Amino acid sequence: MSKLTRSNDSFLTWIQAHERAWGNQTYSGRPTLEQMLSASVVVFWSRAGMEKTDKHHVVTLHADLTALEKHFARLLMFGETETSRNRVIAIFEGGKQVRIADVRVRFAPVDSGESERGNQ
């Protein structure tokens, strides 16, 4: 894993490392420097099969944390059957690094009407 996984690295340090690593190369959906600097949420991902010393992280931009909440919920629910090609390394919201602080799983009764219809 690159040295950038330390929590004390700044948002700009991550962006600079991304820009240096990729240079003029590109990947599908690669945001511009301006887009990264102005995005509400910036996520750095380690690509599947990446060498531990490879610093070519990919970046996605988001309006809020909702898409990431859905991503982690899907991993929790379907992790055994659905492998994620990429792994989240760092999340920045408003230029500040954030982490998952809490996970809450709630249960509700299954609607018996739906389960009976599914058996017919």
N, C-alpha and C. Protein backbone atom coordinates (compact mmCIF):
# COMPACT_ATOMS: atom_id res chain seq x y z
N MET A 1 0.85 -1.17 0.00
CA MET A 1 0.00 0.00 0.00
C MET A 1 0.90 1.24 0.00
N SER A 2 0.48 2.26 -0.66
CA SER A 2 1.30 3.46 -0.72
C SER A 2 1.32 4.16 0.63
N LYS A 3 2.26 5.06 0.77
CA LYS A 3 2.39 5.80 2.02
C LYS A 3 1.21 6.74 2.24
N LEU A 4 0.41 6.97 1.21
CA LEU A 4 -0.71 7.89 1.32
C LEU A 4 -1.86 7.37 2.16
N THR A 5 -1.76 6.17 2.66
CA THR A 5 -2.87 5.66 3.46
C THR A 5 -2.86 6.23 4.88
N ARG A 6 -1.85 6.96 5.24
CA ARG A 6 -1.83 7.58 6.57
C ARG A 6 -2.93 8.62 6.65
N SER A 7 -3.59 8.67 7.78
CA SER A 7 -4.73 9.58 7.92
C SER A 7 -4.32 11.05 8.02
N ASN A 8 -3.03 11.33 8.25
CA ASN A 8 -2.62 12.72 8.42
C ASN A 8 -2.24 13.38 7.09
N ASP A 9 -2.33 12.66 5.98
CA ASP A 9 -2.04 13.27 4.70
C ASP A 9 -3.19 14.17 4.28
N SER A 10 -2.86 15.31 3.73
CA SER A 10 -3.88 16.28 3.37
C SER A 10 -4.52 15.95 2.02
N PHE A 11 -5.65 16.55 1.80
CA PHE A 11 -6.37 16.42 0.55
C PHE A 11 -5.49 16.79 -0.63
N LEU A 12 -4.78 17.89 -0.51
CA LEU A 12 -3.91 18.32 -1.60
C LEU A 12 -2.76 17.35 -1.83
N THR A 13 -2.26 16.71 -0.78
CA THR A 13 -1.21 15.71 -0.92
C THR A 13 -1.72 14.54 -1.76
N TRP A 14 -2.93 14.10 -1.49
CA TRP A 14 -3.53 13.01 -2.26
C TRP A 14 -3.72 13.40 -3.72
N ILE A 15 -4.23 14.59 -3.95
CA ILE A 15 -4.45 15.05 -5.32
C ILE A 15 -3.13 15.19 -6.07
N GLN A 16 -2.12 15.75 -5.41
CA GLN A 16 -0.82 15.89 -6.06
C GLN A 16 -0.23 14.54 -6.41
N ALA A 17 -0.34 13.57 -5.52
CA ALA A 17 0.17 12.23 -5.79
C ALA A 17 -0.57 11.59 -6.96
N HIS A 18 -1.88 11.79 -7.01
CA HIS A 18 -2.69 11.27 -8.12
C HIS A 18 -2.23 11.88 -9.43
N GLU A 19 -2.08 13.19 -9.46
CA GLU A 19 -1.69 13.87 -10.70
C GLU A 19 -0.28 13.48 -11.13
N ARG A 20 0.64 13.34 -10.19
CA ARG A 20 2.01 12.93 -10.53
C ARG A 20 2.04 11.50 -11.05
N ALA A 21 1.29 10.62 -10.41
CA ALA A 21 1.30 9.20 -10.80
C ALA A 21 0.73 9.01 -12.21
N TRP A 22 -0.34 9.73 -12.52
CA TRP A 22 -0.98 9.53 -13.80
C TRP A 22 -0.41 10.40 -14.91
N GLY A 23 0.11 11.57 -14.55
CA GLY A 23 0.68 12.46 -15.57
C GLY A 23 -0.30 12.69 -16.71
N ASN A 24 0.15 12.40 -17.94
CA ASN A 24 -0.70 12.58 -19.12
C ASN A 24 -1.53 11.35 -19.44
N GLN A 25 -1.36 10.27 -18.68
CA GLN A 25 -2.16 9.07 -18.90
C GLN A 25 -3.58 9.33 -18.38
N THR A 26 -4.48 8.49 -18.79
CA THR A 26 -5.85 8.67 -18.35
C THR A 26 -6.50 7.33 -18.04
N TYR A 27 -7.64 7.39 -17.44
CA TYR A 27 -8.49 6.22 -17.22
C TYR A 27 -9.92 6.67 -17.39
N SER A 28 -10.80 5.72 -17.60
CA SER A 28 -12.20 6.03 -17.84
C SER A 28 -12.77 6.82 -16.66
N GLY A 29 -13.31 7.98 -16.95
CA GLY A 29 -13.92 8.80 -15.92
C GLY A 29 -12.95 9.63 -15.10
N ARG A 30 -11.68 9.69 -15.52
CA ARG A 30 -10.71 10.47 -14.74
C ARG A 30 -11.12 11.94 -14.69
N PRO A 31 -11.29 12.45 -13.47
CA PRO A 31 -11.67 13.87 -13.34
C PRO A 31 -10.47 14.78 -13.56
N THR A 32 -10.75 16.01 -13.93
CA THR A 32 -9.68 17.00 -14.07
C THR A 32 -9.29 17.50 -12.68
N LEU A 33 -8.16 18.15 -12.62
CA LEU A 33 -7.70 18.74 -11.36
C LEU A 33 -8.75 19.72 -10.82
N GLU A 34 -9.29 20.53 -11.69
CA GLU A 34 -10.31 21.51 -11.28
C GLU A 34 -11.55 20.82 -10.71
N GLN A 35 -11.97 19.72 -11.34
CA GLN A 35 -13.14 18.99 -10.85
C GLN A 35 -12.87 18.40 -9.47
N MET A 36 -11.68 17.85 -9.27
CA MET A 36 -11.35 17.28 -7.95
C MET A 36 -11.34 18.35 -6.87
N LEU A 37 -10.77 19.49 -7.18
CA LEU A 37 -10.67 20.56 -6.19
C LEU A 37 -12.03 21.16 -5.83
N SER A 38 -12.99 21.09 -6.74
CA SER A 38 -14.28 21.70 -6.46
C SER A 38 -15.37 20.69 -6.06
N ALA A 39 -15.06 19.40 -6.08
CA ALA A 39 -16.06 18.38 -5.75
C ALA A 39 -16.38 18.35 -4.26
N SER A 40 -17.61 18.01 -3.95
CA SER A 40 -18.03 17.89 -2.54
C SER A 40 -17.37 16.68 -1.89
N VAL A 41 -17.37 15.54 -2.61
CA VAL A 41 -16.79 14.30 -2.09
C VAL A 41 -15.84 13.73 -3.14
N VAL A 42 -14.62 13.44 -2.72
CA VAL A 42 -13.60 12.84 -3.59
C VAL A 42 -13.16 11.53 -2.94
N VAL A 43 -13.21 10.46 -3.73
CA VAL A 43 -12.86 9.14 -3.22
C VAL A 43 -11.69 8.59 -4.02
N PHE A 44 -10.67 8.11 -3.30
CA PHE A 44 -9.51 7.47 -3.92
C PHE A 44 -9.68 5.97 -3.76
N TRP A 45 -9.50 5.24 -4.87
CA TRP A 45 -9.70 3.81 -4.93
C TRP A 45 -8.42 3.10 -5.35
N SER A 46 -8.20 1.95 -4.77
CA SER A 46 -7.13 1.05 -5.21
C SER A 46 -7.77 0.08 -6.18
N ARG A 47 -7.20 -0.05 -7.35
CA ARG A 47 -7.77 -0.95 -8.35
C ARG A 47 -7.44 -2.40 -8.03
N ALA A 48 -8.33 -3.29 -8.38
CA ALA A 48 -8.12 -4.71 -8.15
C ALA A 48 -6.86 -5.16 -8.87
N GLY A 49 -6.07 -5.98 -8.19
CA GLY A 49 -4.85 -6.51 -8.78
C GLY A 49 -3.68 -5.55 -8.79
N MET A 50 -3.84 -4.39 -8.17
CA MET A 50 -2.76 -3.41 -8.14
C MET A 50 -1.63 -3.89 -7.24
N GLU A 51 -0.43 -3.64 -7.64
CA GLU A 51 0.71 -3.94 -6.78
C GLU A 51 0.66 -3.00 -5.58
N LYS A 52 1.18 -3.46 -4.46
CA LYS A 52 1.12 -2.66 -3.24
C LYS A 52 1.87 -1.35 -3.37
N THR A 53 2.87 -1.28 -4.23
CA THR A 53 3.65 -0.06 -4.38
C THR A 53 3.13 0.84 -5.50
N ASP A 54 2.14 0.36 -6.25
CA ASP A 54 1.57 1.15 -7.34
C ASP A 54 0.78 2.32 -6.76
N LYS A 55 1.10 3.51 -7.20
CA LYS A 55 0.43 4.71 -6.70
C LYS A 55 -0.63 5.22 -7.67
N HIS A 56 -0.98 4.41 -8.64
CA HIS A 56 -1.97 4.81 -9.62
C HIS A 56 -3.39 4.56 -9.09
N HIS A 57 -3.76 5.32 -8.08
CA HIS A 57 -5.11 5.22 -7.56
C HIS A 57 -6.05 5.91 -8.53
N VAL A 58 -7.29 5.46 -8.55
CA VAL A 58 -8.29 6.13 -9.37
C VAL A 58 -9.18 6.96 -8.45
N VAL A 59 -9.82 7.96 -9.04
CA VAL A 59 -10.63 8.91 -8.27
C VAL A 59 -12.03 8.93 -8.82
N THR A 60 -13.00 8.99 -7.91
CA THR A 60 -14.38 9.27 -8.30
C THR A 60 -14.87 10.47 -7.51
N LEU A 61 -15.77 11.21 -8.11
CA LEU A 61 -16.34 12.41 -7.49
C LEU A 61 -17.82 12.19 -7.23
N HIS A 62 -18.30 12.75 -6.12
CA HIS A 62 -19.69 12.55 -5.72
C HIS A 62 -20.25 13.84 -5.14
N ALA A 63 -21.56 14.01 -5.29
CA ALA A 63 -22.24 15.19 -4.73
C ALA A 63 -22.34 15.08 -3.21
N ASP A 64 -22.47 13.83 -2.70
CA ASP A 64 -22.57 13.61 -1.26
C ASP A 64 -22.11 12.18 -0.98
N LEU A 65 -22.29 11.72 0.25
CA LEU A 65 -21.81 10.39 0.64
C LEU A 65 -22.80 9.26 0.37
N THR A 66 -23.95 9.58 -0.21
CA THR A 66 -24.99 8.58 -0.45
C THR A 66 -24.50 7.40 -1.28
N ALA A 67 -23.79 7.66 -2.37
CA ALA A 67 -23.32 6.58 -3.23
C ALA A 67 -22.36 5.66 -2.48
N LEU A 68 -21.56 6.22 -1.60
CA LEU A 68 -20.63 5.39 -0.82
C LEU A 68 -21.38 4.57 0.22
N GLU A 69 -22.41 5.14 0.81
CA GLU A 69 -23.23 4.37 1.75
C GLU A 69 -23.82 3.16 1.04
N LYS A 70 -24.31 3.36 -0.17
CA LYS A 70 -24.88 2.26 -0.94
C LYS A 70 -23.81 1.24 -1.31
N HIS A 71 -22.62 1.71 -1.66
CA HIS A 71 -21.51 0.81 -2.01
C HIS A 71 -21.17 -0.10 -0.83
N PHE A 72 -21.02 0.47 0.35
CA PHE A 72 -20.65 -0.33 1.52
C PHE A 72 -21.79 -1.25 1.96
N ALA A 73 -23.02 -0.80 1.80
CA ALA A 73 -24.17 -1.66 2.13
C ALA A 73 -24.21 -2.86 1.19
N ARG A 74 -23.93 -2.64 -0.10
CA ARG A 74 -23.90 -3.75 -1.05
C ARG A 74 -22.78 -4.72 -0.71
N LEU A 75 -21.63 -4.21 -0.30
CA LEU A 75 -20.53 -5.10 0.11
C LEU A 75 -20.94 -5.94 1.31
N LEU A 76 -21.64 -5.33 2.24
CA LEU A 76 -22.08 -6.05 3.43
C LEU A 76 -23.10 -7.13 3.06
N MET A 77 -24.05 -6.78 2.22
CA MET A 77 -25.12 -7.71 1.87
C MET A 77 -24.70 -8.78 0.86
N PHE A 78 -23.86 -8.41 -0.11
CA PHE A 78 -23.57 -9.32 -1.21
C PHE A 78 -22.08 -9.59 -1.36
N GLY A 79 -21.30 -9.32 -0.35
CA GLY A 79 -19.85 -9.44 -0.42
C GLY A 79 -19.34 -10.78 -0.89
N GLU A 80 -20.02 -11.86 -0.52
CA GLU A 80 -19.55 -13.18 -0.90
C GLU A 80 -19.78 -13.47 -2.37
N THR A 81 -20.82 -12.92 -2.95
CA THR A 81 -21.14 -13.22 -4.33
C THR A 81 -20.73 -12.10 -5.28
N GLU A 82 -20.53 -10.94 -4.77
CA GLU A 82 -20.21 -9.79 -5.62
C GLU A 82 -18.89 -9.19 -5.15
N THR A 83 -17.83 -9.46 -5.85
CA THR A 83 -16.54 -8.93 -5.45
C THR A 83 -16.35 -7.55 -6.05
N SER A 84 -15.86 -6.66 -5.25
CA SER A 84 -15.62 -5.30 -5.70
C SER A 84 -14.30 -5.25 -6.46
N ARG A 85 -14.31 -4.65 -7.61
CA ARG A 85 -13.09 -4.53 -8.41
C ARG A 85 -12.14 -3.52 -7.79
N ASN A 86 -12.67 -2.55 -7.10
CA ASN A 86 -11.85 -1.51 -6.50
C ASN A 86 -12.11 -1.44 -5.00
N ARG A 87 -11.12 -0.94 -4.28
CA ARG A 87 -11.23 -0.83 -2.83
C ARG A 87 -11.02 0.63 -2.43
N VAL A 88 -11.89 1.14 -1.58
CA VAL A 88 -11.77 2.52 -1.12
C VAL A 88 -10.53 2.65 -0.25
N ILE A 89 -9.72 3.67 -0.55
CA ILE A 89 -8.51 3.92 0.24
C ILE A 89 -8.66 5.17 1.09
N ALA A 90 -9.28 6.21 0.50
CA ALA A 90 -9.46 7.46 1.24
C ALA A 90 -10.70 8.18 0.72
N ILE A 91 -11.40 8.80 1.64
CA ILE A 91 -12.60 9.57 1.32
C ILE A 91 -12.40 10.98 1.87
N PHE A 92 -12.65 11.96 1.02
CA PHE A 92 -12.56 13.36 1.44
C PHE A 92 -13.91 14.03 1.19
N GLU A 93 -14.43 14.66 2.21
CA GLU A 93 -15.67 15.43 2.09
C GLU A 93 -15.34 16.87 2.45
N GLY A 94 -15.59 17.76 1.51
CA GLY A 94 -15.26 19.16 1.74
C GLY A 94 -13.78 19.38 2.00
N GLY A 95 -12.94 18.57 1.39
CA GLY A 95 -11.50 18.71 1.55
C GLY A 95 -10.93 18.11 2.82
N LYS A 96 -11.77 17.52 3.66
CA LYS A 96 -11.30 16.90 4.91
C LYS A 96 -11.51 15.39 4.82
N GLN A 97 -10.49 14.64 5.25
CA GLN A 97 -10.60 13.19 5.18
C GLN A 97 -11.61 12.69 6.21
N VAL A 98 -12.47 11.78 5.76
CA VAL A 98 -13.48 11.19 6.63
C VAL A 98 -13.31 9.67 6.61
N ARG A 99 -13.91 9.04 7.61
CA ARG A 99 -13.87 7.58 7.71
C ARG A 99 -15.26 7.11 8.13
N ILE A 100 -15.47 5.81 7.99
CA ILE A 100 -16.73 5.25 8.45
C ILE A 100 -16.70 5.31 9.98
N ALA A 101 -17.68 5.94 10.57
CA ALA A 101 -17.71 6.11 12.01
C ALA A 101 -18.68 5.15 12.68
N ASP A 102 -19.65 4.68 11.92
CA ASP A 102 -20.70 3.88 12.53
C ASP A 102 -21.35 3.01 11.45
N VAL A 103 -21.71 1.83 11.83
CA VAL A 103 -22.50 0.96 10.95
C VAL A 103 -23.67 0.46 11.78
N ARG A 104 -24.85 0.62 11.24
CA ARG A 104 -26.04 0.18 11.96
C ARG A 104 -26.87 -0.69 11.02
N VAL A 105 -27.18 -1.86 11.47
CA VAL A 105 -28.02 -2.77 10.70
C VAL A 105 -29.34 -2.88 11.43
N ARG A 106 -30.43 -2.60 10.73
CA ARG A 106 -31.75 -2.69 11.32
C ARG A 106 -32.51 -3.81 10.64
N PHE A 107 -33.37 -4.47 11.38
CA PHE A 107 -34.16 -5.56 10.85
C PHE A 107 -35.63 -5.22 10.93
N ALA A 108 -36.39 -5.72 9.97
CA ALA A 108 -37.84 -5.51 9.94
C ALA A 108 -38.49 -6.83 9.59
N PRO A 109 -39.71 -7.01 10.03
CA PRO A 109 -40.40 -8.26 9.69
C PRO A 109 -40.62 -8.37 8.20
N VAL A 110 -40.59 -9.58 7.71
CA VAL A 110 -40.85 -9.83 6.30
C VAL A 110 -42.36 -9.81 6.11
N ASP A 111 -42.81 -9.11 5.09
CA ASP A 111 -44.24 -9.04 4.80
C ASP A 111 -44.71 -10.42 4.38
N SER A 112 -45.57 -11.03 5.19
CA SER A 112 -46.01 -12.41 4.92
C SER A 112 -46.78 -12.51 3.62
N GLY A 113 -47.44 -11.46 3.22
CA GLY A 113 -48.18 -11.48 1.95
C GLY A 113 -47.24 -11.65 0.77
N GLU A 114 -46.10 -10.98 0.80
CA GLU A 114 -45.15 -11.11 -0.29
C GLU A 114 -44.52 -12.50 -0.32
N SER A 115 -44.18 -13.04 0.88
CA SER A 115 -43.54 -14.35 0.90
C SER A 115 -44.50 -15.44 0.44
N GLU A 116 -45.80 -15.27 0.74
CA GLU A 116 -46.79 -16.26 0.29
C GLU A 116 -46.96 -16.19 -1.23
N ARG A 117 -46.94 -14.98 -1.78
CA ARG A 117 -47.07 -14.84 -3.23
C ARG A 117 -45.86 -15.43 -3.94
N GLY A 118 -44.69 -15.34 -3.31
CA GLY A 118 -43.48 -15.87 -3.93
C GLY A 118 -43.46 -17.39 -3.97
N ASN A 119 -44.23 -18.03 -3.08
CA ASN A 119 -44.28 -19.50 -3.03
C ASN A 119 -45.33 -20.07 -3.98
N GLN A 120 -46.16 -19.25 -4.57
CA GLN A 120 -47.22 -19.76 -5.45
C GLN A 120 -46.74 -19.95 -6.86
